[in-house]
Amino acid sequence: MPLIDRVALLMTLRQLESWAESELQVVLVGGSAVVALVRDAEATRDVDMLWTDEMRALVERLGPAKWEALAAKLALSLRADPFEVHLPDDWRTRAVRHEDLSVGELSVFTPSLEDLAVMKLLRFNAKDAQDIRRLAEVPFNRDLFRTLFLRVLPYAIGDLWWHAQSFEMLWNRLYPDSLVEADELMRAAGLTP
């Protein structure tokens, strides 16, 4: 399947809008959110979305077989929900509405740059690290990123020490003028005495 750049993402979203019979909100996450937020971002393999009430209604109306066929054709994925736990509880207050990607009845949102960076850090693979570096190149509030990471860390899935070390490695590469240590992060998150 071809990679999805900004043009392909817009075409995919227009196709999705054509299936909607009423207002439809889409929340992009993962690589597709990076494509939406960063103009010259690297293309992604699929369009990861969080479930919204409108998406549930659309899938129900189309039926599982038709939805799966259409989703496969357009590389749509609603499997991102487990990663929503990696977002701070109030992430929706900072969500970004993308007017340039919203068409007709379709409204397209992403988490903020900083919230998405936290989400990607807690999933963290080589592509996620690259995506976070791209997010940090645009107007990015590094203090908010750190604060949000510390708020989410105690509730993260997996090895919390590993997450703290991943943050340390990434942060110190991005911001050598403001080095952090994993121990310091764990203490700041209230995870060690």
N, C-alpha and C. Protein backbone atom coordinates (compact mmCIF):
# COMPACT_ATOMS: atom_id res chain seq x y z
N MET A 1 0.84 -1.18 0.00
CA MET A 1 0.00 0.00 0.00
C MET A 1 0.89 1.24 0.00
N PRO A 2 0.55 2.25 -0.80
CA PRO A 2 1.37 3.47 -0.86
C PRO A 2 1.34 4.23 0.46
N LEU A 3 2.41 4.96 0.71
CA LEU A 3 2.48 5.77 1.92
C LEU A 3 1.53 6.96 1.81
N ILE A 4 1.11 7.46 2.97
CA ILE A 4 0.13 8.54 3.02
C ILE A 4 0.82 9.83 3.41
N ASP A 5 0.89 10.75 2.45
CA ASP A 5 1.41 12.09 2.72
C ASP A 5 0.22 13.02 2.94
N ARG A 6 0.45 14.30 2.99
CA ARG A 6 -0.63 15.26 3.27
C ARG A 6 -1.72 15.23 2.19
N VAL A 7 -1.32 15.13 0.93
CA VAL A 7 -2.31 15.08 -0.17
C VAL A 7 -3.14 13.81 -0.07
N ALA A 8 -2.49 12.68 0.13
CA ALA A 8 -3.22 11.41 0.26
C ALA A 8 -4.12 11.42 1.50
N LEU A 9 -3.65 12.06 2.59
CA LEU A 9 -4.47 12.16 3.80
C LEU A 9 -5.74 12.94 3.50
N LEU A 10 -5.62 14.06 2.82
CA LEU A 10 -6.79 14.85 2.47
C LEU A 10 -7.76 14.05 1.60
N MET A 11 -7.25 13.32 0.63
CA MET A 11 -8.12 12.49 -0.23
C MET A 11 -8.83 11.41 0.59
N THR A 12 -8.11 10.80 1.53
CA THR A 12 -8.70 9.78 2.40
C THR A 12 -9.81 10.39 3.25
N LEU A 13 -9.55 11.56 3.80
CA LEU A 13 -10.56 12.21 4.64
C LEU A 13 -11.78 12.63 3.83
N ARG A 14 -11.57 13.05 2.61
CA ARG A 14 -12.72 13.39 1.74
C ARG A 14 -13.56 12.15 1.46
N GLN A 15 -12.90 11.02 1.24
CA GLN A 15 -13.64 9.77 1.02
C GLN A 15 -14.43 9.40 2.27
N LEU A 16 -13.80 9.54 3.42
CA LEU A 16 -14.47 9.26 4.68
C LEU A 16 -15.69 10.17 4.85
N GLU A 17 -15.54 11.43 4.53
CA GLU A 17 -16.65 12.38 4.64
C GLU A 17 -17.80 11.98 3.72
N SER A 18 -17.49 11.40 2.57
CA SER A 18 -18.56 11.01 1.64
C SER A 18 -19.43 9.90 2.20
N TRP A 19 -18.92 9.15 3.17
CA TRP A 19 -19.73 8.10 3.80
C TRP A 19 -20.62 8.64 4.90
N ALA A 20 -20.29 9.82 5.40
CA ALA A 20 -21.04 10.39 6.52
C ALA A 20 -22.38 10.95 6.05
N GLU A 21 -23.38 10.75 6.86
CA GLU A 21 -24.70 11.32 6.56
C GLU A 21 -25.00 12.52 7.42
N SER A 22 -24.13 12.75 8.40
CA SER A 22 -24.27 13.91 9.28
C SER A 22 -22.88 14.28 9.77
N GLU A 23 -22.83 15.22 10.70
CA GLU A 23 -21.54 15.68 11.21
C GLU A 23 -20.70 14.52 11.71
N LEU A 24 -19.42 14.56 11.36
CA LEU A 24 -18.50 13.49 11.73
C LEU A 24 -17.21 14.12 12.24
N GLN A 25 -16.82 13.78 13.46
CA GLN A 25 -15.56 14.25 14.01
C GLN A 25 -14.55 13.11 13.98
N VAL A 26 -13.35 13.42 13.50
CA VAL A 26 -12.26 12.47 13.42
C VAL A 26 -11.10 13.02 14.23
N VAL A 27 -10.52 12.17 15.06
CA VAL A 27 -9.32 12.54 15.84
C VAL A 27 -8.18 11.69 15.33
N LEU A 28 -7.27 12.32 14.60
CA LEU A 28 -6.09 11.64 14.08
C LEU A 28 -5.03 11.54 15.16
N VAL A 29 -4.36 10.41 15.22
CA VAL A 29 -3.23 10.22 16.13
C VAL A 29 -2.12 9.52 15.34
N GLY A 30 -1.00 9.26 15.99
CA GLY A 30 0.07 8.55 15.32
C GLY A 30 0.68 9.35 14.20
N GLY A 31 1.18 8.63 13.21
CA GLY A 31 1.84 9.26 12.07
C GLY A 31 0.93 10.17 11.27
N SER A 32 -0.36 9.83 11.19
CA SER A 32 -1.28 10.69 10.43
C SER A 32 -1.47 12.03 11.12
N ALA A 33 -1.42 12.05 12.46
CA ALA A 33 -1.49 13.33 13.18
C ALA A 33 -0.24 14.15 12.92
N VAL A 34 0.92 13.50 12.84
CA VAL A 34 2.15 14.22 12.54
C VAL A 34 2.05 14.82 11.14
N VAL A 35 1.52 14.07 10.19
CA VAL A 35 1.33 14.58 8.82
C VAL A 35 0.40 15.80 8.85
N ALA A 36 -0.62 15.77 9.69
CA ALA A 36 -1.54 16.90 9.79
C ALA A 36 -0.89 18.12 10.45
N LEU A 37 -0.04 17.90 11.43
CA LEU A 37 0.55 18.99 12.21
C LEU A 37 1.81 19.59 11.61
N VAL A 38 2.58 18.79 10.87
CA VAL A 38 3.87 19.23 10.34
C VAL A 38 3.81 19.18 8.82
N ARG A 39 3.90 20.31 8.19
CA ARG A 39 3.67 20.42 6.74
C ARG A 39 4.51 19.46 5.89
N ASP A 40 5.77 19.28 6.20
CA ASP A 40 6.61 18.42 5.36
C ASP A 40 7.01 17.14 6.10
N ALA A 41 6.09 16.63 6.90
CA ALA A 41 6.36 15.41 7.67
C ALA A 41 6.51 14.21 6.75
N GLU A 42 7.23 13.22 7.26
CA GLU A 42 7.38 11.97 6.54
C GLU A 42 6.02 11.29 6.41
N ALA A 43 5.78 10.68 5.27
CA ALA A 43 4.51 9.98 5.04
C ALA A 43 4.36 8.81 6.01
N THR A 44 3.13 8.39 6.21
CA THR A 44 2.82 7.32 7.14
C THR A 44 2.16 6.16 6.40
N ARG A 45 2.06 5.01 7.07
CA ARG A 45 1.50 3.82 6.43
C ARG A 45 -0.02 3.75 6.53
N ASP A 46 -0.58 4.36 7.59
CA ASP A 46 -2.02 4.27 7.78
C ASP A 46 -2.54 5.52 8.47
N VAL A 47 -3.85 5.61 8.54
CA VAL A 47 -4.51 6.76 9.16
C VAL A 47 -5.10 6.28 10.48
N ASP A 48 -4.35 6.49 11.55
CA ASP A 48 -4.80 6.08 12.89
C ASP A 48 -5.76 7.12 13.44
N MET A 49 -6.87 6.64 13.96
CA MET A 49 -7.89 7.52 14.52
C MET A 49 -8.37 6.96 15.85
N LEU A 50 -8.80 7.87 16.73
CA LEU A 50 -9.46 7.45 17.95
C LEU A 50 -10.96 7.31 17.66
N TRP A 51 -11.60 6.44 18.39
CA TRP A 51 -13.04 6.32 18.28
C TRP A 51 -13.70 7.60 18.77
N THR A 52 -14.67 8.07 18.04
CA THR A 52 -15.56 9.13 18.50
C THR A 52 -16.96 8.57 18.40
N ASP A 53 -17.90 9.21 19.05
CA ASP A 53 -19.30 8.75 18.96
C ASP A 53 -19.77 8.71 17.52
N GLU A 54 -19.32 9.72 16.74
CA GLU A 54 -19.73 9.78 15.33
C GLU A 54 -19.13 8.65 14.51
N MET A 55 -17.89 8.30 14.82
CA MET A 55 -17.26 7.19 14.09
C MET A 55 -17.93 5.87 14.45
N ARG A 56 -18.30 5.69 15.71
CA ARG A 56 -19.03 4.47 16.11
C ARG A 56 -20.34 4.36 15.33
N ALA A 57 -21.05 5.47 15.23
CA ALA A 57 -22.33 5.47 14.51
C ALA A 57 -22.11 5.16 13.03
N LEU A 58 -21.07 5.72 12.44
CA LEU A 58 -20.78 5.47 11.02
C LEU A 58 -20.46 3.99 10.79
N VAL A 59 -19.61 3.43 11.61
CA VAL A 59 -19.24 2.02 11.47
C VAL A 59 -20.47 1.14 11.66
N GLU A 60 -21.29 1.48 12.63
CA GLU A 60 -22.52 0.71 12.87
C GLU A 60 -23.46 0.79 11.67
N ARG A 61 -23.60 1.99 11.10
CA ARG A 61 -24.49 2.18 9.95
C ARG A 61 -23.98 1.42 8.73
N LEU A 62 -22.66 1.46 8.50
CA LEU A 62 -22.09 0.77 7.34
C LEU A 62 -22.11 -0.75 7.53
N GLY A 63 -21.98 -1.20 8.76
CA GLY A 63 -21.88 -2.62 9.04
C GLY A 63 -20.42 -3.04 9.03
N PRO A 64 -20.07 -4.05 9.83
CA PRO A 64 -18.67 -4.45 9.97
C PRO A 64 -18.00 -4.84 8.66
N ALA A 65 -18.66 -5.60 7.82
CA ALA A 65 -18.02 -6.07 6.58
C ALA A 65 -17.71 -4.90 5.65
N LYS A 66 -18.68 -4.00 5.45
CA LYS A 66 -18.46 -2.87 4.55
C LYS A 66 -17.40 -1.94 5.14
N TRP A 67 -17.48 -1.67 6.45
CA TRP A 67 -16.48 -0.81 7.07
C TRP A 67 -15.09 -1.39 6.89
N GLU A 68 -14.91 -2.67 7.17
CA GLU A 68 -13.59 -3.28 7.07
C GLU A 68 -13.05 -3.20 5.65
N ALA A 69 -13.91 -3.40 4.65
CA ALA A 69 -13.47 -3.30 3.26
C ALA A 69 -13.04 -1.87 2.92
N LEU A 70 -13.85 -0.91 3.33
CA LEU A 70 -13.53 0.49 3.04
C LEU A 70 -12.29 0.94 3.83
N ALA A 71 -12.21 0.53 5.07
CA ALA A 71 -11.06 0.91 5.90
C ALA A 71 -9.77 0.32 5.32
N ALA A 72 -9.82 -0.92 4.87
CA ALA A 72 -8.63 -1.55 4.28
C ALA A 72 -8.22 -0.82 3.01
N LYS A 73 -9.20 -0.44 2.20
CA LYS A 73 -8.91 0.26 0.94
C LYS A 73 -8.21 1.59 1.19
N LEU A 74 -8.60 2.28 2.26
CA LEU A 74 -8.06 3.61 2.54
C LEU A 74 -7.02 3.62 3.67
N ALA A 75 -6.64 2.46 4.17
CA ALA A 75 -5.66 2.34 5.26
C ALA A 75 -6.12 3.07 6.52
N LEU A 76 -7.43 3.01 6.80
CA LEU A 76 -7.98 3.61 8.01
C LEU A 76 -7.85 2.63 9.16
N SER A 77 -7.50 3.14 10.32
CA SER A 77 -7.34 2.28 11.49
C SER A 77 -7.95 2.94 12.71
N LEU A 78 -8.83 2.20 13.37
CA LEU A 78 -9.40 2.66 14.63
C LEU A 78 -8.78 1.90 15.80
N ARG A 79 -7.62 1.33 15.58
CA ARG A 79 -6.99 0.53 16.64
C ARG A 79 -6.18 1.37 17.61
N ALA A 80 -6.18 2.67 17.45
CA ALA A 80 -5.34 3.54 18.27
C ALA A 80 -5.88 3.76 19.67
N ASP A 81 -7.11 3.37 19.96
CA ASP A 81 -7.69 3.65 21.27
C ASP A 81 -6.84 3.21 22.45
N PRO A 82 -6.16 2.06 22.42
CA PRO A 82 -5.34 1.72 23.59
C PRO A 82 -4.30 2.78 23.91
N PHE A 83 -3.88 3.53 22.90
CA PHE A 83 -2.85 4.54 23.13
C PHE A 83 -3.42 5.83 23.71
N GLU A 84 -4.75 5.97 23.74
CA GLU A 84 -5.34 7.16 24.33
C GLU A 84 -5.00 7.26 25.82
N VAL A 85 -4.73 6.12 26.46
CA VAL A 85 -4.33 6.15 27.87
C VAL A 85 -3.00 6.88 28.05
N HIS A 86 -2.25 7.06 26.98
CA HIS A 86 -0.98 7.78 27.04
C HIS A 86 -1.16 9.28 26.92
N LEU A 87 -2.41 9.73 26.86
CA LEU A 87 -2.68 11.16 26.77
C LEU A 87 -3.15 11.67 28.14
N PRO A 88 -2.79 12.89 28.50
CA PRO A 88 -3.32 13.46 29.74
C PRO A 88 -4.85 13.56 29.66
N ASP A 89 -5.49 13.50 30.82
CA ASP A 89 -6.95 13.53 30.86
C ASP A 89 -7.54 14.74 30.16
N ASP A 90 -6.85 15.86 30.21
CA ASP A 90 -7.40 17.09 29.64
C ASP A 90 -6.89 17.39 28.22
N TRP A 91 -6.40 16.39 27.51
CA TRP A 91 -5.81 16.63 26.19
C TRP A 91 -6.80 17.28 25.23
N ARG A 92 -8.08 16.99 25.37
CA ARG A 92 -9.08 17.55 24.45
C ARG A 92 -9.17 19.07 24.55
N THR A 93 -8.79 19.63 25.71
CA THR A 93 -8.82 21.09 25.84
C THR A 93 -7.74 21.75 24.99
N ARG A 94 -6.73 20.99 24.61
CA ARG A 94 -5.65 21.52 23.76
C ARG A 94 -5.70 20.99 22.33
N ALA A 95 -6.71 20.19 22.03
CA ALA A 95 -6.80 19.58 20.69
C ALA A 95 -6.80 20.66 19.61
N VAL A 96 -6.24 20.30 18.47
CA VAL A 96 -6.11 21.22 17.34
C VAL A 96 -7.13 20.83 16.27
N ARG A 97 -7.94 21.80 15.85
CA ARG A 97 -8.87 21.57 14.73
C ARG A 97 -8.17 22.00 13.46
N HIS A 98 -8.20 21.13 12.46
CA HIS A 98 -7.50 21.38 11.20
C HIS A 98 -8.50 21.80 10.14
N GLU A 99 -8.62 23.12 9.97
CA GLU A 99 -9.56 23.67 8.99
C GLU A 99 -9.21 23.21 7.58
N ASP A 100 -7.93 23.11 7.28
CA ASP A 100 -7.50 22.75 5.93
C ASP A 100 -7.76 21.28 5.59
N LEU A 101 -8.01 20.45 6.60
CA LEU A 101 -8.32 19.04 6.36
C LEU A 101 -9.80 18.74 6.58
N SER A 102 -10.53 19.65 7.21
CA SER A 102 -11.95 19.45 7.46
C SER A 102 -12.72 19.80 6.19
N VAL A 103 -13.59 18.91 5.78
CA VAL A 103 -14.38 19.12 4.57
C VAL A 103 -15.83 18.75 4.84
N GLY A 104 -16.76 19.55 4.30
CA GLY A 104 -18.17 19.23 4.44
C GLY A 104 -18.58 18.98 5.88
N GLU A 105 -19.11 17.79 6.12
CA GLU A 105 -19.58 17.40 7.45
C GLU A 105 -18.45 16.88 8.35
N LEU A 106 -17.25 16.81 7.82
CA LEU A 106 -16.12 16.22 8.54
C LEU A 106 -15.28 17.28 9.23
N SER A 107 -15.08 17.13 10.54
CA SER A 107 -14.19 17.98 11.32
C SER A 107 -13.01 17.13 11.77
N VAL A 108 -11.81 17.59 11.48
CA VAL A 108 -10.60 16.82 11.77
C VAL A 108 -9.83 17.49 12.91
N PHE A 109 -9.48 16.68 13.91
CA PHE A 109 -8.74 17.14 15.08
C PHE A 109 -7.51 16.26 15.28
N THR A 110 -6.53 16.80 15.98
CA THR A 110 -5.40 16.02 16.49
C THR A 110 -5.15 16.48 17.92
N PRO A 111 -4.45 15.67 18.70
CA PRO A 111 -3.95 16.19 19.97
C PRO A 111 -2.97 17.32 19.66
N SER A 112 -2.69 18.16 20.64
CA SER A 112 -1.67 19.21 20.46
C SER A 112 -0.31 18.56 20.17
N LEU A 113 0.61 19.36 19.68
CA LEU A 113 1.97 18.87 19.43
C LEU A 113 2.54 18.18 20.66
N GLU A 114 2.39 18.83 21.82
CA GLU A 114 2.98 18.33 23.05
C GLU A 114 2.28 17.05 23.53
N ASP A 115 0.94 17.01 23.43
CA ASP A 115 0.21 15.80 23.82
C ASP A 115 0.57 14.63 22.91
N LEU A 116 0.66 14.90 21.62
CA LEU A 116 1.03 13.85 20.67
C LEU A 116 2.45 13.36 20.95
N ALA A 117 3.35 14.27 21.28
CA ALA A 117 4.73 13.87 21.60
C ALA A 117 4.75 12.95 22.82
N VAL A 118 3.94 13.24 23.83
CA VAL A 118 3.86 12.37 25.01
C VAL A 118 3.33 11.00 24.59
N MET A 119 2.28 10.99 23.80
CA MET A 119 1.68 9.73 23.34
C MET A 119 2.72 8.89 22.59
N LYS A 120 3.46 9.53 21.71
CA LYS A 120 4.46 8.82 20.92
C LYS A 120 5.64 8.37 21.79
N LEU A 121 6.02 9.19 22.78
CA LEU A 121 7.12 8.81 23.65
C LEU A 121 6.79 7.56 24.45
N LEU A 122 5.56 7.44 24.89
CA LEU A 122 5.19 6.28 25.69
C LEU A 122 4.99 5.03 24.85
N ARG A 123 4.89 5.19 23.55
CA ARG A 123 4.84 4.05 22.64
C ARG A 123 6.24 3.75 22.11
N PHE A 124 7.01 4.71 21.95
CA PHE A 124 8.41 4.86 21.58
C PHE A 124 9.06 3.72 20.80
N ASN A 125 9.19 3.97 19.53
CA ASN A 125 10.07 3.17 18.67
C ASN A 125 10.87 4.17 17.83
N ALA A 126 11.66 3.69 16.90
CA ALA A 126 12.51 4.60 16.12
C ALA A 126 11.69 5.63 15.35
N LYS A 127 10.58 5.22 14.75
CA LYS A 127 9.72 6.15 14.00
C LYS A 127 9.10 7.17 14.95
N ASP A 128 8.70 6.74 16.14
CA ASP A 128 8.13 7.68 17.11
C ASP A 128 9.16 8.73 17.52
N ALA A 129 10.40 8.32 17.74
CA ALA A 129 11.46 9.27 18.09
C ALA A 129 11.66 10.28 16.96
N GLN A 130 11.66 9.80 15.74
CA GLN A 130 11.79 10.69 14.59
C GLN A 130 10.61 11.66 14.52
N ASP A 131 9.40 11.16 14.75
CA ASP A 131 8.21 12.01 14.72
C ASP A 131 8.28 13.08 15.81
N ILE A 132 8.74 12.72 17.00
CA ILE A 132 8.83 13.70 18.09
C ILE A 132 9.84 14.78 17.72
N ARG A 133 10.95 14.40 17.12
CA ARG A 133 11.92 15.40 16.68
C ARG A 133 11.29 16.36 15.67
N ARG A 134 10.46 15.83 14.77
CA ARG A 134 9.78 16.68 13.79
C ARG A 134 8.79 17.62 14.48
N LEU A 135 8.05 17.11 15.46
CA LEU A 135 7.10 17.94 16.20
C LEU A 135 7.82 19.07 16.93
N ALA A 136 9.00 18.77 17.48
CA ALA A 136 9.76 19.76 18.24
C ALA A 136 10.39 20.83 17.36
N GLU A 137 10.39 20.63 16.05
CA GLU A 137 10.96 21.62 15.13
C GLU A 137 9.99 22.76 14.83
N VAL A 138 8.70 22.54 15.06
CA VAL A 138 7.72 23.60 14.83
C VAL A 138 7.46 24.26 16.18
N PRO A 139 6.71 25.35 16.25
CA PRO A 139 6.48 25.96 17.56
C PRO A 139 5.98 24.93 18.57
N PHE A 140 6.83 24.62 19.51
CA PHE A 140 6.62 23.51 20.43
C PHE A 140 6.97 23.99 21.83
N ASN A 141 6.10 23.76 22.78
CA ASN A 141 6.33 24.19 24.16
C ASN A 141 6.99 23.05 24.92
N ARG A 142 8.31 23.11 25.02
CA ARG A 142 9.03 22.00 25.64
C ARG A 142 8.71 21.86 27.13
N ASP A 143 8.41 22.98 27.80
CA ASP A 143 8.05 22.89 29.22
C ASP A 143 6.71 22.19 29.40
N LEU A 144 5.76 22.47 28.51
CA LEU A 144 4.47 21.79 28.55
C LEU A 144 4.65 20.30 28.26
N PHE A 145 5.49 19.97 27.29
CA PHE A 145 5.78 18.57 26.97
C PHE A 145 6.29 17.83 28.20
N ARG A 146 7.25 18.43 28.90
CA ARG A 146 7.80 17.79 30.11
C ARG A 146 6.73 17.66 31.19
N THR A 147 5.96 18.71 31.42
CA THR A 147 4.90 18.69 32.43
C THR A 147 3.88 17.60 32.13
N LEU A 148 3.45 17.51 30.87
CA LEU A 148 2.46 16.51 30.49
C LEU A 148 3.02 15.10 30.64
N PHE A 149 4.28 14.92 30.27
CA PHE A 149 4.90 13.61 30.43
C PHE A 149 4.90 13.20 31.91
N LEU A 150 5.28 14.11 32.79
CA LEU A 150 5.33 13.80 34.21
C LEU A 150 3.94 13.50 34.77
N ARG A 151 2.91 14.16 34.24
CA ARG A 151 1.53 13.88 34.69
C ARG A 151 1.07 12.50 34.27
N VAL A 152 1.49 12.05 33.09
CA VAL A 152 1.02 10.78 32.55
C VAL A 152 1.88 9.60 33.02
N LEU A 153 3.15 9.83 33.29
CA LEU A 153 4.08 8.75 33.61
C LEU A 153 3.57 7.79 34.69
N PRO A 154 3.02 8.25 35.81
CA PRO A 154 2.58 7.29 36.83
C PRO A 154 1.48 6.32 36.36
N TYR A 155 0.78 6.68 35.30
CA TYR A 155 -0.34 5.87 34.81
C TYR A 155 -0.02 5.14 33.52
N ALA A 156 1.20 5.26 33.04
CA ALA A 156 1.59 4.67 31.76
C ALA A 156 1.60 3.15 31.84
N ILE A 157 1.39 2.55 30.70
CA ILE A 157 1.45 1.10 30.57
C ILE A 157 2.91 0.73 30.34
N GLY A 158 3.36 -0.33 30.99
CA GLY A 158 4.73 -0.80 30.76
C GLY A 158 5.68 -0.37 31.87
N ASP A 159 6.94 -0.48 31.58
CA ASP A 159 8.01 -0.20 32.52
C ASP A 159 8.20 1.31 32.64
N LEU A 160 7.83 1.87 33.78
CA LEU A 160 7.90 3.32 33.98
C LEU A 160 9.34 3.83 33.93
N TRP A 161 10.27 3.04 34.45
CA TRP A 161 11.68 3.42 34.40
C TRP A 161 12.15 3.51 32.94
N TRP A 162 11.72 2.57 32.11
CA TRP A 162 12.09 2.59 30.69
C TRP A 162 11.54 3.85 30.03
N HIS A 163 10.28 4.21 30.36
CA HIS A 163 9.70 5.44 29.79
C HIS A 163 10.52 6.66 30.22
N ALA A 164 10.92 6.70 31.50
CA ALA A 164 11.72 7.83 31.99
C ALA A 164 13.07 7.88 31.27
N GLN A 165 13.67 6.72 31.04
CA GLN A 165 14.94 6.69 30.31
C GLN A 165 14.75 7.13 28.85
N SER A 166 13.65 6.74 28.25
CA SER A 166 13.36 7.16 26.87
C SER A 166 13.22 8.67 26.80
N PHE A 167 12.50 9.24 27.78
CA PHE A 167 12.34 10.69 27.82
C PHE A 167 13.70 11.36 28.00
N GLU A 168 14.51 10.84 28.93
CA GLU A 168 15.85 11.40 29.16
C GLU A 168 16.65 11.41 27.86
N MET A 169 16.70 10.29 27.18
CA MET A 169 17.48 10.18 25.96
C MET A 169 17.00 11.18 24.91
N LEU A 170 15.68 11.22 24.69
CA LEU A 170 15.12 12.11 23.67
C LEU A 170 15.30 13.58 24.06
N TRP A 171 14.93 13.91 25.28
CA TRP A 171 15.03 15.30 25.75
C TRP A 171 16.47 15.80 25.65
N ASN A 172 17.42 15.02 26.12
CA ASN A 172 18.81 15.47 26.13
C ASN A 172 19.37 15.63 24.71
N ARG A 173 18.84 14.88 23.79
CA ARG A 173 19.25 15.05 22.39
C ARG A 173 18.63 16.32 21.80
N LEU A 174 17.36 16.58 22.15
CA LEU A 174 16.67 17.77 21.63
C LEU A 174 17.14 19.05 22.32
N TYR A 175 17.39 18.97 23.62
CA TYR A 175 17.66 20.16 24.42
C TYR A 175 18.93 20.00 25.26
N PRO A 176 20.09 19.97 24.61
CA PRO A 176 21.34 19.77 25.36
C PRO A 176 21.64 20.91 26.34
N ASP A 177 20.91 22.02 26.22
CA ASP A 177 21.09 23.13 27.15
C ASP A 177 20.33 22.93 28.46
N SER A 178 19.53 21.86 28.54
CA SER A 178 18.67 21.65 29.70
C SER A 178 18.55 20.15 29.99
N LEU A 179 19.67 19.52 30.32
CA LEU A 179 19.72 18.07 30.48
C LEU A 179 18.87 17.60 31.66
N VAL A 180 18.27 16.40 31.50
CA VAL A 180 17.51 15.77 32.58
C VAL A 180 18.04 14.35 32.78
N GLU A 181 17.72 13.79 33.94
CA GLU A 181 18.08 12.40 34.24
C GLU A 181 16.82 11.64 34.58
N ALA A 182 16.80 10.36 34.25
CA ALA A 182 15.64 9.53 34.50
C ALA A 182 15.27 9.51 35.99
N ASP A 183 16.26 9.45 36.86
CA ASP A 183 15.99 9.47 38.31
C ASP A 183 15.23 10.72 38.70
N GLU A 184 15.67 11.85 38.18
CA GLU A 184 15.03 13.14 38.46
C GLU A 184 13.58 13.12 37.99
N LEU A 185 13.34 12.56 36.82
CA LEU A 185 11.98 12.48 36.27
C LEU A 185 11.09 11.59 37.13
N MET A 186 11.63 10.47 37.55
CA MET A 186 10.85 9.56 38.40
C MET A 186 10.47 10.25 39.71
N ARG A 187 11.42 10.97 40.31
CA ARG A 187 11.11 11.70 41.55
C ARG A 187 10.07 12.79 41.30
N ALA A 188 10.22 13.52 40.20
CA ALA A 188 9.28 14.60 39.88
C ALA A 188 7.87 14.07 39.64
N ALA A 189 7.76 12.83 39.17
CA ALA A 189 6.45 12.22 38.94
C ALA A 189 5.93 11.52 40.19
N GLY A 190 6.69 11.61 41.29
CA GLY A 190 6.27 11.01 42.55
C GLY A 190 6.40 9.50 42.57
N LEU A 191 7.35 8.96 41.81
CA LEU A 191 7.48 7.50 41.68
C LEU A 191 8.61 6.90 42.48
N THR A 192 9.49 7.73 43.05
CA THR A 192 10.55 7.23 43.91
C THR A 192 10.65 8.16 45.12
N PRO A 193 11.14 7.63 46.23
CA PRO A 193 11.26 8.48 47.44
C PRO A 193 12.28 9.58 47.28
